Amino acid sequence: MKLLHKDIEKDNAGQVTLIPEEAEDMWHTYNLVQVGDSLRASTIRKVQTESSTGSVGSSRVRTTLTVSVQAIDFDSQACQLRVKGTNIEENQYKCWFPHLL
């Protein structure tokens, strides 16, 4: 895992920016993230739009989510980290994001 940025204070509050480089890095991240933490990640979501004529279209957009962590799960078979939480920063797209990768 690559550590890009670290800003930790004496009371252990702060932030880090990590980039996973191997599947095993998700396990280490699982052991770092706690309920109540904020997690920011880039994701791709499908957004539906409605034109003035009433036709509906959809497109895939990249957006950044900031989630207040409510639950964390690690799938050891797929080496995937699943985080459930609520979005705490406004987003330009009206979507519901129940979890991240």
C-alpha atoms as a PDB file:
ATOM      1  CA  MET A   1       0.000   0.000   0.000  1.00  0.00           C
ATOM      2  CA  LYS A   2       1.275   3.453  -0.829  1.00  0.00           C
ATOM      3  CA  LEU A   3       0.925   6.257   1.739  1.00  0.00           C
ATOM      4  CA  LEU A   4       0.464   9.542  -0.132  1.00  0.00           C
ATOM      5  CA  HIS A   5      -0.399  11.874   2.736  1.00  0.00           C
ATOM      6  CA  LYS A   6      -0.425  11.668   6.537  1.00  0.00           C
ATOM      7  CA  ASP A   7      -1.639  14.294   8.999  1.00  0.00           C
ATOM      8  CA  ILE A   8      -2.063  12.695  12.447  1.00  0.00           C
ATOM      9  CA  GLU A   9      -2.362  14.763  15.624  1.00  0.00           C
ATOM     10  CA  LYS A  10      -1.372  13.784  19.177  1.00  0.00           C
ATOM     11  CA  ASP A  11      -4.936  12.680  20.029  1.00  0.00           C
ATOM     12  CA  ASN A  12      -4.840  10.255  17.036  1.00  0.00           C
ATOM     13  CA  ALA A  13      -7.265  12.412  15.043  1.00  0.00           C
ATOM     14  CA  GLY A  14      -6.297  13.238  11.501  1.00  0.00           C
ATOM     15  CA  GLN A  15      -6.306  11.890   8.003  1.00  0.00           C
ATOM     16  CA  VAL A  16      -4.319   9.675   5.683  1.00  0.00           C
ATOM     17  CA  THR A  17      -4.416   9.163   1.935  1.00  0.00           C
ATOM     18  CA  LEU A  18      -3.729   5.575   0.882  1.00  0.00           C
ATOM     19  CA  ILE A  19      -3.547   3.832  -2.477  1.00  0.00           C
ATOM     20  CA  PRO A  20      -3.924   0.051  -2.402  1.00  0.00           C
ATOM     21  CA  GLU A  21      -1.448  -1.680  -4.692  1.00  0.00           C
ATOM     22  CA  GLU A  22      -2.247  -5.342  -3.963  1.00  0.00           C
ATOM     23  CA  ALA A  23      -5.432  -7.227  -3.050  1.00  0.00           C
ATOM     24  CA  GLU A  24      -4.066  -7.845   0.461  1.00  0.00           C
ATOM     25  CA  ASP A  25      -4.005  -4.074   1.045  1.00  0.00           C
ATOM     26  CA  MET A  26      -7.800  -4.182   1.463  1.00  0.00           C
ATOM     27  CA  TRP A  27      -7.325  -6.435   4.509  1.00  0.00           C
ATOM     28  CA  HIS A  28      -4.962  -3.902   6.064  1.00  0.00           C
ATOM     29  CA  THR A  29      -7.415  -1.099   5.306  1.00  0.00           C
ATOM     30  CA  TYR A  30     -10.195  -3.139   6.928  1.00  0.00           C
ATOM     31  CA  ASN A  31      -8.120  -3.209  10.110  1.00  0.00           C
ATOM     32  CA  LEU A  32      -7.525   0.562  10.001  1.00  0.00           C
ATOM     33  CA  VAL A  33     -11.040   1.896   9.303  1.00  0.00           C
ATOM     34  CA  GLN A  34     -13.467   2.122  12.240  1.00  0.00           C
ATOM     35  CA  VAL A  35     -17.168   2.893  12.621  1.00  0.00           C
ATOM     36  CA  GLY A  36     -17.493   6.678  12.879  1.00  0.00           C
ATOM     37  CA  ASP A  37     -14.568   7.408  10.545  1.00  0.00           C
ATOM     38  CA  SER A  38     -15.061   9.358   7.335  1.00  0.00           C
ATOM     39  CA  LEU A  39     -13.995   7.674   4.130  1.00  0.00           C
ATOM     40  CA  ARG A  40     -13.550   9.420   0.774  1.00  0.00           C
ATOM     41  CA  ALA A  41     -13.352   7.435  -2.448  1.00  0.00           C
ATOM     42  CA  SER A  42     -13.837   7.867  -6.164  1.00  0.00           C
ATOM     43  CA  THR A  43     -16.572   5.763  -7.757  1.00  0.00           C
ATOM     44  CA  ILE A  44     -18.548   5.431 -10.965  1.00  0.00           C
ATOM     45  CA  ARG A  45     -22.339   5.678 -10.769  1.00  0.00           C
ATOM     46  CA  LYS A  46     -25.174   5.481 -13.257  1.00  0.00           C
ATOM     47  CA  VAL A  47     -27.129   8.756 -13.415  1.00  0.00           C
ATOM     48  CA  GLN A  48     -30.536   9.025 -15.072  1.00  0.00           C
ATOM     49  CA  THR A  49     -31.580  12.258 -16.757  1.00  0.00           C
ATOM     50  CA  GLU A  50     -34.935  13.343 -18.095  1.00  0.00           C
ATOM     51  CA  SER A  51     -35.149  15.725 -21.042  1.00  0.00           C
ATOM     52  CA  SER A  52     -37.789  18.413 -21.555  1.00  0.00           C
ATOM     53  CA  THR A  53     -39.611  16.049 -23.943  1.00  0.00           C
ATOM     54  CA  GLY A  54     -39.882  13.406 -21.231  1.00  0.00           C
ATOM     55  CA  SER A  55     -37.376  10.938 -22.617  1.00  0.00           C
ATOM     56  CA  VAL A  56     -35.132   9.311 -20.044  1.00  0.00           C
ATOM     57  CA  GLY A  57     -31.445   8.666 -20.622  1.00  0.00           C
ATOM     58  CA  SER A  58     -28.659   7.408 -18.453  1.00  0.00           C
ATOM     59  CA  SER A  59     -24.928   7.818 -18.329  1.00  0.00           C
ATOM     60  CA  ARG A  60     -22.079   6.660 -16.134  1.00  0.00           C
ATOM     61  CA  VAL A  61     -20.262   9.391 -14.230  1.00  0.00           C
ATOM     62  CA  ARG A  62     -17.234   9.459 -11.968  1.00  0.00           C
ATOM     63  CA  THR A  63     -17.896  11.122  -8.643  1.00  0.00           C
ATOM     64  CA  THR A  64     -16.241  11.370  -5.236  1.00  0.00           C
ATOM     65  CA  LEU A  65     -18.129  10.248  -2.151  1.00  0.00           C
ATOM     66  CA  THR A  66     -17.412  11.098   1.457  1.00  0.00           C
ATOM     67  CA  VAL A  67     -19.125   8.587   3.719  1.00  0.00           C
ATOM     68  CA  SER A  68     -19.532   8.433   7.479  1.00  0.00           C
ATOM     69  CA  VAL A  69     -18.759   4.768   8.191  1.00  0.00           C
ATOM     70  CA  GLN A  70     -21.610   2.814   9.837  1.00  0.00           C
ATOM     71  CA  ALA A  71     -20.465  -0.758   9.089  1.00  0.00           C
ATOM     72  CA  ILE A  72     -17.408  -2.451   7.579  1.00  0.00           C
ATOM     73  CA  ASP A  73     -17.159  -5.885   5.993  1.00  0.00           C
ATOM     74  CA  PHE A  74     -14.260  -7.680   4.352  1.00  0.00           C
ATOM     75  CA  ASP A  75     -14.866 -10.392   1.746  1.00  0.00           C
ATOM     76  CA  SER A  76     -11.791 -12.617   1.996  1.00  0.00           C
ATOM     77  CA  GLN A  77     -12.669 -14.579  -1.158  1.00  0.00           C
ATOM     78  CA  ALA A  78     -12.759 -11.484  -3.372  1.00  0.00           C
ATOM     79  CA  CYS A  79     -10.385  -9.344  -1.240  1.00  0.00           C
ATOM     80  CA  GLN A  80     -12.992  -6.586  -1.263  1.00  0.00           C
ATOM     81  CA  LEU A  81     -13.728  -4.064   1.438  1.00  0.00           C
ATOM     82  CA  ARG A  82     -17.394  -3.104   1.785  1.00  0.00           C
ATOM     83  CA  VAL A  83     -18.267   0.033   3.695  1.00  0.00           C
ATOM     84  CA  LYS A  84     -21.820   1.062   4.566  1.00  0.00           C
ATOM     85  CA  GLY A  85     -22.573   4.615   5.563  1.00  0.00           C
ATOM     86  CA  THR A  86     -24.271   7.873   4.803  1.00  0.00           C
ATOM     87  CA  ASN A  87     -22.966  10.477   2.412  1.00  0.00           C
ATOM     88  CA  ILE A  88     -21.806  13.499   4.442  1.00  0.00           C
ATOM     89  CA  GLU A  89     -20.765  15.855   1.640  1.00  0.00           C
ATOM     90  CA  GLU A  90     -23.091  17.259  -0.972  1.00  0.00           C
ATOM     91  CA  ASN A  91     -22.834  15.727  -4.398  1.00  0.00           C
ATOM     92  CA  GLN A  92     -23.986  17.148  -7.734  1.00  0.00           C
ATOM     93  CA  TYR A  93     -25.851  13.915  -8.525  1.00  0.00           C
ATOM     94  CA  LYS A  94     -29.043  12.795  -6.800  1.00  0.00           C
ATOM     95  CA  CYS A  95     -28.135   9.205  -6.055  1.00  0.00           C
ATOM     96  CA  TRP A  96     -28.248   6.854  -3.129  1.00  0.00           C
ATOM     97  CA  PHE A  97     -24.894   5.276  -2.300  1.00  0.00           C
ATOM     98  CA  PRO A  98     -25.354   2.403   0.179  1.00  0.00           C
ATOM     99  CA  HIS A  99     -21.765   1.194   0.022  1.00  0.00           C
ATOM    100  CA  LEU A 100     -18.420   1.494  -1.665  1.00  0.00           C
ATOM    101  CA  LEU A 101     -16.108  -1.096  -3.069  1.00  0.00           C
END
